[in-house]
Amino acid sequence: MITKRLLSILVVLIVGFGSVFLLPRTSQSSPAGIALVLPNYIGDWIGEEGKITDRELEVLAKDTQFARKNYINVAGDRISVSIVLSGDDMTNSIHRPERCLPAQGWSVVSSEKRVLAMANDKELGVTKLRNVRTVELSNKSHATLHNINYYWFVGYSDMTPSHLTRTGLDLRDRLLHGYNQRWAYVTVTANVSEHLWRPERTEEETSAILENFIQKLVLDLKRPEGGALL
């Protein structure tokens, strides 16, 4: 009985995934749903332009667009924010951060969905990742560096923290509307400084700082036409 049930599930999965290749192809993409502009100031945080790595430029499609800033506050805490906007080649320009973090030396320890309350009485769904990697310190010893990463996807008409949901929305748009929704993803990340540098922040403190930052950041993010993102 169990074997037959597993076989039935396998057949359904094969048919379901195989049907993706039968979907109508389209070269038409929706407009972007987010402006590639990060504010210079977020509360008492000051931002400066961040570098797009050669690896990102090599791996992602040539028409992928970026915005990146590194923020620091008066206490010396640091946060990095990136927006990656897909071009027409969705397959090679947009993906989950879980897919690229290992290539940067990070191991993803855990992933969870979070809902953050905004000051405008709205809510933002995000995915929270906990990552680790080994780093060499100035004295040549090694330490384990912990990192917290929050991300979510922004389309022309939808926002979601879920890669699977985004994929489902892509299939809906292609089948029902005949276009690809042009997606971006926003990442907000910081390293845990406890026992490594000052100001020392625990993982819990780092997460709280990031969530408070996101609550302020989202209110300053805009649509290309100038409207509020959320």
Foldseek 3Di string as FASTA:
>chain_A
DVVVVVVVVVVVVCVVVVCVVVFDDFQAEDDFFFDLDFDQDQPQKGWDFDDDDPVLCVQADVPKDKGKIWIAGPQGFIKIKMKIWHDSPPVRGDDDVCVCVVVVAKDWDDKDWDWAQAPVRDIDIKIKTKIWGWDADPVRDIDIKIKIKIKWKAWNPDIGRDPVVLVVVQSCCCRPPNHGTTMMMMMMMGIQCAPNDPPHHHPVRRVVVRSVSVSRRQQVIATPVGHRSD
